[in-house]
Amino acid sequence: MKTRSEISTPFRVFQYLSFFSMLRNAVYQNHKTRQGAALGAIAAVTVLHGLIHGYSIFLSPLNEQMRLFFGAGTITAITAMKATYLVVYATGNLAVGVLTNRLSARATLAAGMVVNGLAVAGFALIGPDQLPIMHLLWGVAALGGSVYHPIANVLITRLYPNRKGTVLGITGMGAAVGFAFAPLLTGLLSGRLGFGWQQIALLFGVSGAAMGIVAWFFIPGRAAMREHAQRDTPESSAHDRPAALAGSSDGAAGTPRLSTAGGCSAPSGTFLIGMVIAIACLREIAMWSVLDISDFFLTAVLADSTRTGWFLFLLYLPGVFVKPLVGSLSDRVGRAELSAGALLLYGLTFAAAAIAGPRGLAWVYLLMGIGQAATIPSIEAIVADRTTAQNRGLVFGIFVTAGIGLGAVGPLVSGMALDAWGGTVDAFRRWYLVLGALPFAGGLMMVSLRSRLSR
């Protein structure tokens, strides 16, 4: 016979789930609270964004610990895992982008987070001779995370059609929190509490899966989104009117197709979007490279592997403030000018890292974070401007797939180059110069496109 506590535990879980369900229904069924409902959805999406990107970085401060655990003799053996993650993540974004208009945002985002979290928790079961299984689990985690960008970006820009830059900046702030605080928390858990990388993975994974379940109650379903669309006027803003990609529904399938708008031909608009995506790819290669090689670089320069979490925190902390600020600012001034300046600054900070001494590296990483963070909402808002609600999911899927797909090359090639050059401090400094040239070139390209993007 079951005890009272055995019966009450599942009953309490049911009560909590019922409470969240009633709260969500009360919010979305009352038109007077639609603004509050939209804010709730933005909050949920922002938290998910932070968790997804936190997963991509939370083990980076322990790369050297992982290398020793698996008995790997090269840097590449560890950075290759991130390459696997990014390749699968990029491919998944494209697939989800194609299906965006047919998927429930609520169910897809929640399920993706649960899958991502459970795969990360599975790291705790890996043995020293199971490095290939780590690649498999990273791939599963990437599949769960890959649903985010095409689904979430379409959701929030539909909720706030005339404030795209602002809301993209807010949800981008979530990513910045994940990027900044995940490695910091890892550093505290491993340094202060003595947790190993597998214990930390279990903690992060279970927490993320639980948040995926909670988010389901606050993200609107299809019916709520249809009601929202009927109550609001069709999206059109000063930035939308010159959209170069005017999507229209192609029959019952709802497949977006290119047409002309604002005096620009579809081929011209496609070229501009392609150039913006290419610029973002240069940034992504540099960004994901520095994320995964920093532990090896800082350990060599500072002779202290416990400080990597702190440096990665400094790298991503500015995004918490910079992303919403730049996103909101981009709704008022030229997005191309903002993104170009940010890319140029980002590139220069890599050069600074190559010449800075141990005492100056913390400031360099902080400035690097400012430049990096400012490029994200400004470039994403450019893409949102030149698409419509119908084709935005597809285009964002292509955008993220191209950026992350090429970004995946960064950690792998970086590891190979550094291994070939002996993994010395001088090797790292030379490679930082190479990486910095990529976003700097992207900034120059954006300057050349400024007049065309402002039409």
Protein backbone atom coordinates (compact mmCIF):
# COMPACT_ATOMS: atom_id res chain seq x y z
CA MET A 1 0.00 0.00 0.00
CA LYS A 2 1.39 3.40 -1.00
CA THR A 3 2.24 5.91 1.70
CA ARG A 4 0.75 9.37 1.77
CA SER A 5 4.02 10.95 0.58
CA GLU A 6 4.22 8.53 -2.38
CA ILE A 7 0.73 9.52 -3.43
CA SER A 8 1.15 13.26 -2.80
CA THR A 9 4.35 13.70 -4.82
CA PRO A 10 2.87 12.95 -8.27
CA PHE A 11 -0.33 14.75 -7.21
CA ARG A 12 1.67 17.90 -6.42
CA VAL A 13 3.42 17.70 -9.79
CA PHE A 14 -0.01 17.47 -11.43
CA GLN A 15 -1.16 20.49 -9.41
CA TYR A 16 1.82 22.56 -10.55
CA LEU A 17 1.30 21.63 -14.20
CA SER A 18 -2.42 22.43 -13.89
CA PHE A 19 -1.59 25.80 -12.38
CA PHE A 20 0.74 26.70 -15.27
CA SER A 21 -1.89 25.53 -17.75
CA MET A 22 -4.65 27.62 -16.16
CA LEU A 23 -2.34 30.64 -15.98
CA ARG A 24 -1.45 30.35 -19.62
CA ASN A 25 -5.07 29.89 -20.70
CA ALA A 26 -6.17 32.87 -18.65
CA VAL A 27 -3.52 35.00 -20.29
CA TYR A 28 -4.13 33.99 -23.88
CA GLN A 29 -7.91 33.83 -23.82
CA ASN A 30 -8.37 37.38 -22.55
CA HIS A 31 -7.75 39.96 -25.25
CA LYS A 32 -7.21 42.66 -22.61
CA THR A 33 -4.02 40.90 -21.54
CA ARG A 34 -2.68 40.19 -25.03
CA GLN A 35 0.21 42.56 -24.44
CA GLY A 36 1.07 40.74 -21.24
CA ALA A 37 0.78 37.43 -23.07
CA ALA A 38 3.18 38.62 -25.75
CA LEU A 39 5.62 39.71 -23.06
CA GLY A 40 5.32 36.30 -21.43
CA ALA A 41 6.13 34.64 -24.75
CA ILE A 42 9.14 36.93 -25.24
CA ALA A 43 10.37 36.08 -21.74
CA ALA A 44 10.04 32.33 -22.36
CA VAL A 45 11.78 32.54 -25.72
CA THR A 46 14.57 34.65 -24.20
CA VAL A 47 15.19 32.06 -21.47
CA LEU A 48 15.29 29.24 -24.04
CA HIS A 49 17.74 31.25 -26.13
CA GLY A 50 20.04 31.57 -23.14
CA LEU A 51 19.90 27.87 -22.35
CA ILE A 52 20.54 26.76 -25.93
CA HIS A 53 23.60 28.93 -26.32
CA GLY A 54 24.72 28.20 -22.78
CA TYR A 55 24.92 24.54 -23.76
CA SER A 56 27.29 25.39 -26.61
CA ILE A 57 29.81 26.96 -24.26
CA PHE A 58 29.38 25.60 -20.73
CA LEU A 59 32.07 22.90 -21.13
CA SER A 60 34.53 25.12 -23.01
CA PRO A 61 36.35 26.20 -19.80
CA LEU A 62 37.03 22.50 -19.14
CA ASN A 63 38.37 21.57 -22.58
CA GLU A 64 41.77 20.70 -21.16
CA GLN A 65 40.14 18.60 -18.41
CA MET A 66 38.12 16.77 -21.06
CA ARG A 67 41.22 16.21 -23.18
CA LEU A 68 42.90 14.53 -20.25
CA PHE A 69 39.77 12.49 -19.42
CA PHE A 70 39.62 11.04 -22.93
CA GLY A 71 43.40 10.68 -23.17
CA ALA A 72 43.47 12.77 -26.34
CA GLY A 73 46.86 13.95 -27.52
CA THR A 74 45.71 16.90 -29.63
CA ILE A 75 43.64 20.06 -29.35
CA THR A 76 41.72 19.04 -32.46
CA ALA A 77 40.29 15.95 -30.75
CA ILE A 78 38.33 18.21 -28.41
CA THR A 79 37.47 21.11 -30.73
CA ALA A 80 36.15 18.58 -33.27
CA MET A 81 33.22 17.88 -30.92
CA LYS A 82 32.08 21.48 -31.25
CA ALA A 83 32.42 21.18 -35.01
CA THR A 84 30.06 18.18 -34.91
CA TYR A 85 27.59 20.15 -32.81
CA LEU A 86 27.64 23.15 -35.12
CA VAL A 87 27.29 21.15 -38.35
CA VAL A 88 24.21 19.31 -37.07
CA TYR A 89 22.85 22.53 -35.56
CA ALA A 90 23.21 24.33 -38.87
CA THR A 91 21.60 21.54 -40.89
CA GLY A 92 18.70 21.35 -38.45
CA ASN A 93 18.06 25.07 -38.76
CA LEU A 94 17.59 24.74 -42.51
CA ALA A 95 15.15 21.84 -42.17
CA VAL A 96 13.13 23.63 -39.50
CA GLY A 97 13.23 26.85 -41.51
CA VAL A 98 11.53 25.11 -44.43
CA LEU A 99 8.81 23.75 -42.11
CA THR A 100 8.39 26.83 -39.90
CA ASN A 101 4.90 27.77 -41.07
CA ARG A 102 3.65 24.22 -40.54
CA LEU A 103 4.97 23.72 -37.01
CA SER A 104 3.54 24.75 -33.67
CA ALA A 105 5.99 27.21 -32.11
CA ARG A 106 4.98 26.17 -28.60
CA ALA A 107 5.38 22.42 -29.09
CA THR A 108 8.49 22.67 -31.25
CA LEU A 109 10.44 25.04 -29.00
CA ALA A 110 9.51 23.15 -25.82
CA ALA A 111 10.31 19.72 -27.28
CA GLY A 112 13.58 20.97 -28.73
CA MET A 113 14.70 22.24 -25.34
CA VAL A 114 13.82 18.94 -23.65
CA VAL A 115 15.78 16.95 -26.26
CA ASN A 116 18.73 19.32 -25.96
CA GLY A 117 18.78 19.07 -22.18
CA LEU A 118 18.46 15.30 -22.00
CA ALA A 119 21.28 14.81 -24.52
CA VAL A 120 23.57 17.06 -22.47
CA ALA A 121 22.62 15.19 -19.29
CA GLY A 122 23.68 12.01 -21.12
CA PHE A 123 27.30 13.24 -21.06
CA ALA A 124 27.39 12.02 -17.46
CA LEU A 125 27.22 8.41 -18.67
CA ILE A 126 30.22 8.60 -21.03
CA GLY A 127 33.39 6.60 -20.35
CA PRO A 128 36.99 7.56 -21.22
CA ASP A 129 36.97 5.28 -24.29
CA GLN A 130 33.66 6.59 -25.66
CA LEU A 131 34.68 9.78 -27.43
CA PRO A 132 32.61 8.81 -30.52
CA ILE A 133 29.51 8.60 -28.30
CA MET A 134 30.20 12.17 -27.20
CA HIS A 135 30.00 13.23 -30.84
CA LEU A 136 26.65 11.41 -31.14
CA LEU A 137 25.23 13.10 -28.04
CA TRP A 138 26.47 16.50 -29.20
CA GLY A 139 24.64 15.84 -32.46
CA VAL A 140 21.38 14.99 -30.67
CA ALA A 141 21.72 18.10 -28.52
CA ALA A 142 22.26 20.16 -31.66
CA LEU A 143 19.09 18.79 -33.23
CA GLY A 144 17.11 19.92 -30.20
CA GLY A 145 18.69 23.36 -30.24
CA SER A 146 18.37 23.83 -34.00
CA VAL A 147 14.62 24.44 -33.82
CA TYR A 148 15.11 27.72 -31.99
CA HIS A 149 16.15 30.42 -34.45
CA PRO A 150 13.75 29.93 -37.36
CA ILE A 151 10.78 29.29 -35.06
CA ALA A 152 11.51 31.87 -32.36
CA ASN A 153 12.54 34.69 -34.69
CA VAL A 154 9.36 34.32 -36.72
CA LEU A 155 7.27 34.13 -33.53
CA ILE A 156 8.62 37.28 -31.92
CA THR A 157 8.70 39.38 -35.10
CA ARG A 158 5.05 38.46 -35.69
CA LEU A 159 4.19 39.50 -32.15
CA TYR A 160 6.05 42.80 -32.60
CA PRO A 161 6.10 43.51 -36.37
CA ASN A 162 7.10 47.18 -36.00
CA ARG A 163 9.79 46.66 -33.35
CA LYS A 164 11.83 43.84 -34.81
CA GLY A 165 15.20 45.23 -33.80
CA THR A 166 14.06 45.81 -30.25
CA VAL A 167 12.64 42.31 -29.66
CA LEU A 168 15.54 40.63 -31.44
CA GLY A 169 17.82 42.58 -29.12
CA ILE A 170 15.86 41.41 -26.06
CA THR A 171 15.94 37.74 -27.03
CA GLY A 172 19.56 38.24 -28.02
CA MET A 173 20.16 39.38 -24.46
CA GLY A 174 19.06 35.91 -23.38
CA ALA A 175 21.73 34.37 -25.57
CA ALA A 176 24.28 36.76 -24.07
CA VAL A 177 23.28 35.71 -20.54
CA GLY A 178 23.69 32.05 -21.51
CA PHE A 179 27.04 32.63 -23.17
CA ALA A 180 28.32 34.73 -20.25
CA PHE A 181 27.03 32.95 -17.18
CA ALA A 182 27.26 29.31 -18.34
CA PRO A 183 31.09 29.28 -18.35
CA LEU A 184 31.18 31.39 -15.19
CA LEU A 185 28.92 28.90 -13.41
CA THR A 186 31.05 26.05 -14.73
CA GLY A 187 34.15 27.74 -13.35
CA LEU A 188 32.53 28.16 -9.94
CA LEU A 189 31.25 24.58 -9.83
CA SER A 190 34.57 23.10 -10.89
CA GLY A 191 36.83 25.44 -8.93
CA ARG A 192 34.94 26.10 -5.70
CA LEU A 193 32.91 22.89 -5.39
CA GLY A 194 35.22 20.48 -7.20
CA PHE A 195 32.59 19.25 -9.67
CA GLY A 196 33.88 17.28 -12.65
CA TRP A 197 32.75 18.05 -16.19
CA GLN A 198 30.27 15.15 -16.18
CA GLN A 199 28.58 16.25 -12.97
CA ILE A 200 28.26 19.74 -14.39
CA ALA A 201 26.76 18.36 -17.61
CA LEU A 202 24.14 16.43 -15.64
CA LEU A 203 23.16 19.55 -13.69
CA PHE A 204 22.90 21.72 -16.79
CA GLY A 205 21.06 19.09 -18.81
CA VAL A 206 18.34 18.31 -16.27
CA SER A 207 17.76 22.03 -15.60
CA GLY A 208 17.34 22.77 -19.30
CA ALA A 209 14.90 19.92 -19.88
CA ALA A 210 12.78 21.16 -16.97
CA MET A 211 12.73 24.69 -18.39
CA GLY A 212 11.58 23.35 -21.73
CA ILE A 213 8.49 21.93 -20.03
CA VAL A 214 7.80 25.21 -18.23
CA ALA A 215 8.21 27.25 -21.45
CA TRP A 216 5.42 25.25 -23.11
CA PHE A 217 2.89 26.97 -20.85
CA PHE A 218 3.94 30.49 -21.84
CA ILE A 219 4.47 30.26 -25.59
CA PRO A 220 1.29 30.83 -27.65
CA GLY A 221 -0.12 27.98 -29.69
CA ARG A 222 -1.41 28.22 -33.25
CA ALA A 223 -4.89 29.36 -32.26
CA ALA A 224 -3.54 32.20 -30.15
CA MET A 225 -1.23 33.32 -32.95
CA ARG A 226 -4.09 33.30 -35.48
CA GLU A 227 -6.16 35.45 -33.12
CA HIS A 228 -3.22 37.80 -32.68
CA ALA A 229 -2.82 38.12 -36.45
CA GLN A 230 -6.53 38.85 -36.93
CA ARG A 231 -6.58 41.58 -34.28
CA ASP A 232 -3.46 43.35 -35.50
CA THR A 233 -2.97 45.17 -38.77
CA PRO A 234 -0.70 43.57 -41.39
CA GLU A 235 2.91 44.18 -40.54
CA SER A 236 4.41 47.17 -42.29
CA SER A 237 6.99 49.58 -41.08
CA ALA A 238 9.49 51.98 -42.47
CA HIS A 239 11.98 49.17 -42.62
CA ASP A 240 9.54 46.68 -44.15
CA ARG A 241 8.39 48.80 -47.07
CA PRO A 242 11.63 48.48 -49.01
CA ALA A 243 11.72 44.74 -48.39
CA ALA A 244 13.53 43.02 -51.19
CA LEU A 245 12.01 39.63 -50.49
CA ALA A 246 8.23 39.94 -50.56
CA GLY A 247 6.98 36.49 -49.73
CA SER A 248 3.65 35.25 -50.97
CA SER A 249 1.86 32.01 -50.45
CA ASP A 250 2.23 29.60 -53.29
CA GLY A 251 -1.00 27.65 -53.25
CA ALA A 252 -2.15 25.46 -50.41
CA ALA A 253 1.33 24.35 -49.53
CA GLY A 254 2.09 27.83 -48.17
CA THR A 255 5.58 27.77 -49.67
CA PRO A 256 7.06 31.29 -49.85
CA ARG A 257 8.25 32.48 -53.22
CA LEU A 258 10.24 35.54 -54.24
CA SER A 259 8.62 38.59 -55.78
CA THR A 260 9.47 42.27 -56.10
CA ALA A 261 8.84 45.08 -53.64
CA GLY A 262 9.95 48.63 -53.08
CA GLY A 263 11.37 48.93 -56.56
CA CYS A 264 13.95 46.18 -56.08
CA SER A 265 13.99 43.07 -58.20
CA ALA A 266 13.91 39.68 -56.55
CA PRO A 267 17.37 38.72 -57.87
CA SER A 268 18.77 41.97 -56.47
CA GLY A 269 17.13 41.32 -53.11
CA THR A 270 18.42 37.76 -53.06
CA PHE A 271 21.94 39.03 -53.78
CA LEU A 272 21.77 41.49 -50.87
CA ILE A 273 20.52 38.84 -48.47
CA GLY A 274 23.26 36.52 -49.73
CA MET A 275 25.92 39.16 -49.06
CA VAL A 276 24.60 39.82 -45.55
CA ILE A 277 24.64 36.09 -44.84
CA ALA A 278 28.23 35.87 -46.15
CA ILE A 279 29.25 38.68 -43.80
CA ALA A 280 27.60 36.88 -40.88
CA CYS A 281 29.51 33.71 -41.82
CA LEU A 282 32.84 35.52 -41.41
CA ARG A 283 31.79 36.63 -37.94
CA GLU A 284 30.62 33.14 -36.98
CA ILE A 285 33.92 31.50 -37.94
CA ALA A 286 35.82 33.93 -35.72
CA MET A 287 33.28 33.74 -32.89
CA TRP A 288 33.10 29.97 -32.54
CA SER A 289 36.86 29.64 -32.95
CA VAL A 290 37.76 31.95 -30.10
CA LEU A 291 35.15 30.28 -27.90
CA ASP A 292 36.79 26.87 -28.15
CA ILE A 293 40.49 27.77 -28.32
CA SER A 294 40.41 30.26 -25.44
CA ASP A 295 40.94 27.62 -22.76
CA PHE A 296 44.10 26.37 -24.46
CA PHE A 297 45.29 29.92 -25.24
CA LEU A 298 44.66 31.32 -21.76
CA THR A 299 46.18 28.27 -20.08
CA ALA A 300 49.34 28.84 -22.12
CA VAL A 301 49.48 32.60 -21.53
CA LEU A 302 48.34 32.75 -17.90
CA ALA A 303 49.51 29.28 -16.77
CA ASP A 304 46.17 28.99 -14.98
CA SER A 305 43.35 26.95 -16.53
CA THR A 306 40.87 27.91 -13.78
CA ARG A 307 40.44 31.45 -15.13
CA THR A 308 38.98 30.54 -18.53
CA GLY A 309 35.41 30.66 -17.24
CA TRP A 310 35.98 34.22 -16.04
CA PHE A 311 37.40 35.34 -19.39
CA LEU A 312 34.52 33.79 -21.33
CA PHE A 313 32.17 35.54 -18.93
CA LEU A 314 33.83 38.85 -19.82
CA LEU A 315 33.58 38.00 -23.50
CA TYR A 316 29.82 37.50 -23.43
CA LEU A 317 28.70 39.74 -20.56
CA PRO A 318 28.50 42.90 -22.73
CA GLY A 319 25.82 41.23 -24.84
CA VAL A 320 23.39 41.43 -21.91
CA PHE A 321 23.39 45.23 -22.29
CA VAL A 322 24.68 45.81 -25.81
CA LYS A 323 22.23 43.58 -27.70
CA PRO A 324 18.99 45.23 -26.53
CA LEU A 325 20.58 48.68 -26.81
CA VAL A 326 21.84 48.13 -30.36
CA GLY A 327 18.62 46.36 -31.35
CA SER A 328 16.51 49.28 -30.19
CA LEU A 329 18.93 51.80 -31.70
CA SER A 330 18.81 50.00 -35.03
CA ASP A 331 15.05 50.69 -35.22
CA ARG A 332 15.90 54.39 -35.26
CA VAL A 333 19.15 54.70 -37.20
CA GLY A 334 20.81 52.81 -40.02
CA ARG A 335 21.27 49.13 -39.30
CA ALA A 336 24.04 48.79 -41.89
CA GLU A 337 26.12 51.54 -40.28
CA LEU A 338 25.76 49.97 -36.84
CA SER A 339 26.67 46.49 -38.00
CA ALA A 340 29.64 47.73 -40.07
CA GLY A 341 31.12 49.63 -37.13
CA ALA A 342 30.60 46.68 -34.82
CA LEU A 343 32.30 44.26 -37.23
CA LEU A 344 35.31 46.53 -37.64
CA LEU A 345 35.65 46.88 -33.85
CA TYR A 346 35.30 43.13 -33.42
CA GLY A 347 38.08 42.44 -35.91
CA LEU A 348 40.44 44.94 -34.28
CA THR A 349 40.02 43.33 -30.86
CA PHE A 350 41.43 40.07 -32.21
CA ALA A 351 44.54 41.96 -33.24
CA ALA A 352 44.68 43.45 -29.74
CA ALA A 353 44.48 39.96 -28.22
CA ALA A 354 47.45 38.93 -30.35
CA ILE A 355 49.68 41.61 -28.86
CA ALA A 356 48.26 42.11 -25.36
CA GLY A 357 50.09 40.87 -22.30
CA PRO A 358 48.46 38.86 -19.50
CA ARG A 359 47.31 41.99 -17.67
CA GLY A 360 45.59 43.47 -20.70
CA LEU A 361 43.79 40.37 -21.93
CA ALA A 362 40.76 40.83 -19.66
CA TRP A 363 40.07 44.27 -21.15
CA VAL A 364 40.59 42.93 -24.65
CA TYR A 365 38.07 40.14 -24.12
CA LEU A 366 35.57 42.66 -22.75
CA LEU A 367 35.94 44.90 -25.83
CA MET A 368 35.78 41.84 -28.07
CA GLY A 369 32.45 40.98 -26.46
CA ILE A 370 31.09 44.48 -27.12
CA GLY A 371 31.97 44.29 -30.80
CA GLN A 372 30.64 40.78 -31.20
CA ALA A 373 27.35 41.46 -29.39
CA ALA A 374 26.62 44.60 -31.39
CA THR A 375 26.81 42.73 -34.71
CA ILE A 376 24.08 40.22 -33.86
CA PRO A 377 20.78 42.15 -33.50
CA SER A 378 21.80 44.68 -36.16
CA ILE A 379 22.49 41.99 -38.79
CA GLU A 380 19.48 39.86 -37.84
CA ALA A 381 17.23 42.92 -38.09
CA ILE A 382 18.53 43.58 -41.61
CA VAL A 383 17.48 40.06 -42.57
CA ALA A 384 14.08 40.52 -40.89
CA ASP A 385 13.55 43.81 -42.75
CA ARG A 386 14.08 42.29 -46.14
CA THR A 387 11.72 39.36 -45.60
CA THR A 388 8.05 38.99 -44.75
CA ALA A 389 6.29 36.92 -42.11
CA GLN A 390 5.63 34.26 -44.74
CA ASN A 391 9.19 33.65 -45.87
CA ARG A 392 11.09 34.82 -42.79
CA GLY A 393 11.35 31.37 -41.23
CA LEU A 394 12.87 29.92 -44.40
CA VAL A 395 15.32 32.78 -44.82
CA PHE A 396 16.36 32.69 -41.16
CA GLY A 397 16.84 28.94 -41.51
CA ILE A 398 19.19 29.56 -44.43
CA PHE A 399 20.85 32.42 -42.56
CA VAL A 400 21.61 30.36 -39.45
CA THR A 401 22.53 27.25 -41.44
CA ALA A 402 25.09 29.12 -43.51
CA GLY A 403 26.51 31.04 -40.57
CA ILE A 404 26.72 28.19 -38.10
CA GLY A 405 27.65 25.68 -40.81
CA LEU A 406 30.70 27.68 -41.81
CA GLY A 407 31.23 28.63 -38.17
CA ALA A 408 31.69 24.91 -37.50
CA VAL A 409 34.80 25.06 -39.65
CA GLY A 410 36.35 27.49 -37.18
CA PRO A 411 37.01 25.25 -34.17
CA LEU A 412 38.12 22.35 -36.35
CA VAL A 413 40.50 24.34 -38.55
CA SER A 414 41.73 26.31 -35.54
CA GLY A 415 42.65 23.12 -33.72
CA MET A 416 44.40 21.73 -36.79
CA ALA A 417 46.34 24.95 -37.40
CA LEU A 418 47.41 25.29 -33.77
CA ASP A 419 48.46 21.65 -33.58
CA ALA A 420 50.49 22.09 -36.77
CA TRP A 421 52.17 25.19 -35.36
CA GLY A 422 53.07 23.45 -32.10
CA GLY A 423 50.37 24.94 -29.85
CA THR A 424 52.75 27.63 -28.59
CA VAL A 425 51.77 31.09 -27.39
CA ASP A 426 53.17 32.56 -30.60
CA ALA A 427 51.04 30.14 -32.62
CA PHE A 428 47.92 31.33 -30.82
CA ARG A 429 48.82 34.99 -31.37
CA ARG A 430 49.33 34.46 -35.11
CA TRP A 431 46.03 32.61 -35.35
CA TYR A 432 44.17 35.41 -33.54
CA LEU A 433 45.38 37.78 -36.26
CA VAL A 434 44.01 35.45 -38.91
CA LEU A 435 40.66 35.20 -37.16
CA GLY A 436 40.39 38.97 -36.67
CA ALA A 437 40.81 39.58 -40.38
CA LEU A 438 37.50 37.80 -41.04
CA PRO A 439 35.03 40.11 -39.23
CA PHE A 440 37.11 43.12 -40.23
CA ALA A 441 36.67 42.16 -43.89
CA GLY A 442 32.96 41.67 -43.17
CA GLY A 443 32.77 45.23 -41.83
CA LEU A 444 34.33 46.60 -45.01
CA MET A 445 31.83 44.60 -47.07
CA MET A 446 28.94 45.99 -45.04
CA VAL A 447 30.19 49.53 -45.64
CA SER A 448 30.11 48.87 -49.38
CA LEU A 449 26.48 47.64 -49.11
CA ARG A 450 25.29 50.50 -46.92
CA SER A 451 23.62 52.55 -49.65
CA ARG A 452 21.83 49.56 -51.16
CA LEU A 453 20.56 48.31 -47.80
CA SER A 454 19.17 51.76 -46.92
CA ARG A 455 16.89 51.92 -49.99
